[in-house]
């Protein structure tokens, strides 16, 4: 969520949900309710803010905006994922060596 918001600054929850499969770190189906729970949790943590805005021809929609705290949190997670990525590559290489 933070990555998507960082790329575009603001988005509606539904927009994020539509974009999520292209950047998700899983092949599993994404639970719609979980997306909104995550956005709520990120807002409580100060990583995003939200406000209601009129929807195009319909009801108001909540638009989310990343904060500086959210940008810093994203950078922290990027560093963690980079380390994990290197560990996963090493694990795969060592596993291939064991096939022997």
N, C-alpha and C. Protein backbone atom coordinates (compact mmCIF):
# COMPACT_ATOMS: atom_id res chain seq x y z
N UNK A 1 0.82 -1.18 0.00
CA UNK A 1 0.00 0.00 0.00
C UNK A 1 0.87 1.26 0.00
N UNK A 2 1.88 1.25 0.87
CA UNK A 2 2.75 2.43 0.96
C UNK A 2 3.49 2.66 -0.36
N UNK A 3 3.94 1.58 -0.96
CA UNK A 3 4.64 1.70 -2.24
C UNK A 3 3.74 2.32 -3.30
N UNK A 4 2.51 1.81 -3.39
CA UNK A 4 1.57 2.35 -4.38
C UNK A 4 1.26 3.82 -4.10
N UNK A 5 1.05 4.15 -2.84
CA UNK A 5 0.76 5.54 -2.50
C UNK A 5 1.97 6.44 -2.75
N UNK A 6 3.15 5.92 -2.53
CA UNK A 6 4.35 6.72 -2.75
C UNK A 6 4.51 7.03 -4.25
N UNK A 7 4.10 6.10 -5.08
CA UNK A 7 4.19 6.31 -6.53
C UNK A 7 3.23 7.36 -7.04
N UNK A 8 2.06 7.49 -6.39
CA UNK A 8 1.05 8.41 -6.93
C UNK A 8 0.54 9.43 -5.93
N UNK A 9 1.08 9.44 -4.74
CA UNK A 9 0.73 10.41 -3.69
C UNK A 9 -0.63 10.15 -3.04
N UNK A 10 -1.71 10.12 -3.82
CA UNK A 10 -3.03 9.88 -3.26
C UNK A 10 -3.78 8.87 -4.12
N UNK A 11 -4.70 8.13 -3.48
CA UNK A 11 -5.53 7.17 -4.22
C UNK A 11 -6.70 6.75 -3.37
N UNK A 12 -7.76 6.36 -4.03
CA UNK A 12 -8.90 5.75 -3.36
C UNK A 12 -8.54 4.30 -3.05
N UNK A 13 -9.18 3.75 -2.05
CA UNK A 13 -8.92 2.36 -1.69
C UNK A 13 -9.14 1.41 -2.85
N UNK A 14 -10.20 1.65 -3.62
CA UNK A 14 -10.49 0.78 -4.76
C UNK A 14 -9.39 0.85 -5.82
N UNK A 15 -8.84 2.04 -6.03
CA UNK A 15 -7.73 2.19 -6.99
C UNK A 15 -6.52 1.37 -6.53
N UNK A 16 -6.24 1.45 -5.23
CA UNK A 16 -5.12 0.67 -4.69
C UNK A 16 -5.36 -0.82 -4.86
N UNK A 17 -6.58 -1.24 -4.59
CA UNK A 17 -6.94 -2.65 -4.72
C UNK A 17 -6.73 -3.13 -6.15
N UNK A 18 -7.06 -2.31 -7.13
CA UNK A 18 -6.88 -2.68 -8.53
C UNK A 18 -5.40 -2.78 -8.91
N UNK A 19 -4.57 -1.95 -8.32
CA UNK A 19 -3.14 -1.92 -8.66
C UNK A 19 -2.33 -2.96 -7.88
N UNK A 20 -2.86 -3.41 -6.78
CA UNK A 20 -2.11 -4.27 -5.88
C UNK A 20 -1.58 -5.56 -6.51
N UNK A 21 -2.34 -6.26 -7.34
CA UNK A 21 -1.81 -7.51 -7.91
C UNK A 21 -0.50 -7.35 -8.69
N UNK A 22 -0.29 -6.18 -9.30
CA UNK A 22 0.94 -5.99 -10.08
C UNK A 22 2.19 -5.83 -9.22
N UNK A 23 2.02 -5.51 -7.93
CA UNK A 23 3.18 -5.33 -7.06
C UNK A 23 3.17 -6.24 -5.84
N UNK A 24 2.13 -7.08 -5.71
CA UNK A 24 2.01 -7.94 -4.53
C UNK A 24 3.15 -8.95 -4.48
N UNK A 25 3.55 -9.29 -3.29
CA UNK A 25 4.62 -10.26 -3.09
C UNK A 25 4.06 -11.67 -2.89
N UNK A 26 2.86 -11.91 -3.41
CA UNK A 26 2.21 -13.19 -3.29
C UNK A 26 1.36 -13.45 -4.53
N UNK A 27 1.10 -14.73 -4.80
CA UNK A 27 0.20 -15.10 -5.88
C UNK A 27 -1.20 -15.36 -5.34
N UNK A 28 -1.36 -15.28 -4.03
CA UNK A 28 -2.65 -15.54 -3.41
C UNK A 28 -3.64 -14.43 -3.74
N UNK A 29 -4.92 -14.79 -3.69
CA UNK A 29 -5.96 -13.80 -3.91
C UNK A 29 -5.92 -12.77 -2.78
N UNK A 30 -6.15 -11.53 -3.12
CA UNK A 30 -6.07 -10.45 -2.14
C UNK A 30 -7.47 -10.20 -1.58
N UNK A 31 -7.57 -10.26 -0.27
CA UNK A 31 -8.84 -10.05 0.43
C UNK A 31 -9.15 -8.56 0.49
N UNK A 32 -10.28 -8.17 -0.08
CA UNK A 32 -10.67 -6.77 -0.14
C UNK A 32 -10.75 -6.16 1.27
N UNK A 33 -11.37 -6.88 2.18
CA UNK A 33 -11.50 -6.37 3.55
C UNK A 33 -10.14 -6.16 4.19
N UNK A 34 -9.19 -7.05 3.89
CA UNK A 34 -7.85 -6.93 4.46
C UNK A 34 -7.17 -5.65 3.99
N UNK A 35 -7.41 -5.27 2.74
CA UNK A 35 -6.82 -4.05 2.20
C UNK A 35 -7.28 -2.84 3.02
N UNK A 36 -8.57 -2.78 3.30
CA UNK A 36 -9.10 -1.65 4.06
C UNK A 36 -8.65 -1.70 5.52
N UNK A 37 -8.49 -2.91 6.07
CA UNK A 37 -7.96 -3.02 7.44
C UNK A 37 -6.52 -2.51 7.49
N UNK A 38 -5.74 -2.86 6.48
CA UNK A 38 -4.35 -2.41 6.42
C UNK A 38 -4.29 -0.89 6.29
N UNK A 39 -5.13 -0.32 5.44
CA UNK A 39 -5.15 1.13 5.30
C UNK A 39 -5.53 1.80 6.62
N UNK A 40 -6.48 1.21 7.32
CA UNK A 40 -6.88 1.76 8.62
C UNK A 40 -5.72 1.69 9.62
N UNK A 41 -5.03 0.56 9.63
CA UNK A 41 -3.88 0.39 10.53
C UNK A 41 -2.77 1.38 10.18
N UNK A 42 -2.51 1.55 8.89
CA UNK A 42 -1.49 2.52 8.46
C UNK A 42 -1.87 3.94 8.86
N UNK A 43 -3.17 4.23 8.81
CA UNK A 43 -3.61 5.56 9.22
C UNK A 43 -3.42 5.76 10.72
N UNK A 44 -3.75 4.75 11.49
CA UNK A 44 -3.57 4.85 12.95
C UNK A 44 -2.09 5.02 13.30
N UNK A 45 -1.21 4.43 12.50
CA UNK A 45 0.23 4.52 12.76
C UNK A 45 0.83 5.82 12.22
N UNK A 46 0.03 6.64 11.55
CA UNK A 46 0.53 7.90 11.02
C UNK A 46 1.23 7.78 9.68
N UNK A 47 1.11 6.61 9.03
CA UNK A 47 1.77 6.40 7.75
C UNK A 47 0.96 6.95 6.57
N UNK A 48 -0.35 7.05 6.76
CA UNK A 48 -1.22 7.63 5.74
C UNK A 48 -2.25 8.52 6.42
N UNK A 49 -2.80 9.41 5.65
CA UNK A 49 -3.97 10.18 6.10
C UNK A 49 -5.08 9.90 5.11
N UNK A 50 -6.31 10.20 5.51
CA UNK A 50 -7.42 10.02 4.58
C UNK A 50 -8.44 11.12 4.77
N UNK A 51 -9.18 11.34 3.73
CA UNK A 51 -10.29 12.29 3.80
C UNK A 51 -11.34 11.87 2.78
N UNK A 52 -12.56 12.26 3.05
CA UNK A 52 -13.66 11.95 2.14
C UNK A 52 -13.71 12.98 1.04
N UNK A 53 -13.86 12.51 -0.20
CA UNK A 53 -14.00 13.40 -1.35
C UNK A 53 -15.15 12.88 -2.21
N UNK A 54 -15.81 13.78 -2.92
CA UNK A 54 -16.91 13.34 -3.78
C UNK A 54 -16.43 12.36 -4.84
N UNK A 55 -17.18 11.28 -5.00
CA UNK A 55 -16.87 10.32 -6.05
C UNK A 55 -17.40 10.82 -7.38
N UNK A 56 -16.83 10.35 -8.47
CA UNK A 56 -17.30 10.79 -9.80
C UNK A 56 -18.69 10.23 -10.08
N UNK A 57 -19.69 11.06 -9.89
CA UNK A 57 -21.06 10.65 -10.18
C UNK A 57 -21.66 9.69 -9.17
N UNK A 58 -21.08 9.59 -7.99
CA UNK A 58 -21.60 8.67 -6.99
C UNK A 58 -21.32 9.14 -5.59
N UNK A 59 -21.32 8.19 -4.65
CA UNK A 59 -21.10 8.57 -3.26
C UNK A 59 -19.66 9.05 -3.00
N UNK A 60 -19.50 9.72 -1.88
CA UNK A 60 -18.16 10.15 -1.47
C UNK A 60 -17.26 8.94 -1.30
N UNK A 61 -15.97 9.15 -1.55
CA UNK A 61 -14.97 8.09 -1.39
C UNK A 61 -13.85 8.61 -0.51
N UNK A 62 -13.24 7.67 0.21
CA UNK A 62 -12.11 8.02 1.06
C UNK A 62 -10.84 7.97 0.22
N UNK A 63 -10.12 9.09 0.20
CA UNK A 63 -8.86 9.15 -0.54
C UNK A 63 -7.72 9.12 0.48
N UNK A 64 -6.70 8.31 0.18
CA UNK A 64 -5.57 8.11 1.08
C UNK A 64 -4.34 8.81 0.53
N UNK A 65 -3.55 9.39 1.44
CA UNK A 65 -2.32 10.10 1.10
C UNK A 65 -1.20 9.60 2.01
N UNK A 66 -0.06 9.32 1.43
CA UNK A 66 1.09 8.88 2.23
C UNK A 66 1.68 10.07 2.97
N UNK A 67 2.18 9.84 4.18
CA UNK A 67 2.84 10.88 4.98
C UNK A 67 4.34 10.66 4.96
N UNK A 68 5.07 11.58 5.56
CA UNK A 68 6.52 11.41 5.67
C UNK A 68 6.84 10.17 6.52
N UNK A 69 6.07 9.94 7.56
CA UNK A 69 6.25 8.73 8.38
C UNK A 69 6.07 7.49 7.50
N UNK A 70 5.07 7.52 6.63
CA UNK A 70 4.83 6.39 5.72
C UNK A 70 5.98 6.19 4.75
N UNK A 71 6.53 7.28 4.25
CA UNK A 71 7.68 7.17 3.34
C UNK A 71 8.89 6.56 4.06
N UNK A 72 9.11 6.96 5.29
CA UNK A 72 10.23 6.41 6.07
C UNK A 72 9.99 4.93 6.37
N UNK A 73 8.75 4.58 6.69
CA UNK A 73 8.40 3.18 6.97
C UNK A 73 8.62 2.33 5.71
N UNK A 74 8.25 2.87 4.56
CA UNK A 74 8.47 2.16 3.29
C UNK A 74 9.96 1.91 3.07
N UNK A 75 10.80 2.91 3.33
CA UNK A 75 12.24 2.74 3.15
C UNK A 75 12.80 1.69 4.11
N UNK A 76 12.30 1.67 5.34
CA UNK A 76 12.72 0.64 6.30
C UNK A 76 12.38 -0.75 5.78
N UNK A 77 11.15 -0.91 5.28
CA UNK A 77 10.73 -2.21 4.77
C UNK A 77 11.49 -2.59 3.51
N UNK A 78 11.83 -1.62 2.68
CA UNK A 78 12.62 -1.91 1.48
C UNK A 78 13.98 -2.48 1.87
N UNK A 79 14.59 -1.95 2.91
CA UNK A 79 15.88 -2.46 3.38
C UNK A 79 15.73 -3.88 3.91
N UNK A 80 14.67 -4.14 4.65
CA UNK A 80 14.41 -5.49 5.17
C UNK A 80 14.22 -6.46 4.02
N UNK A 81 13.40 -6.09 3.04
CA UNK A 81 13.15 -6.98 1.91
C UNK A 81 14.39 -7.22 1.07
N UNK A 82 15.24 -6.22 0.97
CA UNK A 82 16.49 -6.40 0.23
C UNK A 82 17.37 -7.45 0.93
N UNK A 83 17.48 -7.34 2.26
CA UNK A 83 18.25 -8.34 3.00
C UNK A 83 17.64 -9.73 2.85
N UNK A 84 16.33 -9.82 3.00
CA UNK A 84 15.64 -11.11 2.86
C UNK A 84 15.81 -11.67 1.46
N UNK A 85 15.79 -10.80 0.46
CA UNK A 85 15.98 -11.25 -0.92
C UNK A 85 17.33 -11.90 -1.11
N UNK A 86 18.37 -11.29 -0.56
CA UNK A 86 19.72 -11.87 -0.64
C UNK A 86 19.76 -13.22 0.09
N UNK A 87 19.11 -13.30 1.23
CA UNK A 87 19.07 -14.55 1.98
C UNK A 87 18.34 -15.63 1.20
N UNK A 88 17.27 -15.27 0.53
CA UNK A 88 16.51 -16.24 -0.25
C UNK A 88 17.33 -16.76 -1.44
N UNK A 89 18.07 -15.87 -2.09
CA UNK A 89 18.93 -16.29 -3.21
C UNK A 89 19.99 -17.26 -2.71
N UNK A 90 20.62 -16.93 -1.58
CA UNK A 90 21.63 -17.84 -1.01
C UNK A 90 21.01 -19.19 -0.66
N UNK A 91 19.84 -19.17 -0.07
CA UNK A 91 19.16 -20.41 0.29
C UNK A 91 18.91 -21.26 -0.95
N UNK A 92 18.41 -20.64 -2.01
CA UNK A 92 18.13 -21.37 -3.25
C UNK A 92 19.41 -21.94 -3.85
N UNK A 93 20.50 -21.16 -3.83
CA UNK A 93 21.77 -21.64 -4.37
C UNK A 93 22.28 -22.82 -3.58
N UNK A 94 22.24 -22.74 -2.25
CA UNK A 94 22.70 -23.84 -1.40
C UNK A 94 21.82 -25.07 -1.57
N UNK A 95 20.55 -24.87 -1.75
CA UNK A 95 19.62 -25.99 -1.95
C UNK A 95 19.93 -26.71 -3.26
N UNK A 96 20.24 -25.95 -4.31
CA UNK A 96 20.59 -26.57 -5.59
C UNK A 96 21.86 -27.38 -5.48
N UNK A 97 22.81 -26.93 -4.68
CA UNK A 97 24.07 -27.65 -4.48
C UNK A 97 23.83 -28.97 -3.77
N UNK A 98 22.80 -29.06 -2.97
CA UNK A 98 22.50 -30.29 -2.22
C UNK A 98 21.83 -31.37 -3.07
N UNK A 99 21.35 -31.02 -4.26
CA UNK A 99 20.66 -31.98 -5.12
C UNK A 99 21.56 -33.16 -5.46
N UNK A 100 22.83 -32.86 -5.65
CA UNK A 100 23.90 -33.72 -5.98
C UNK A 100 23.68 -35.10 -6.25
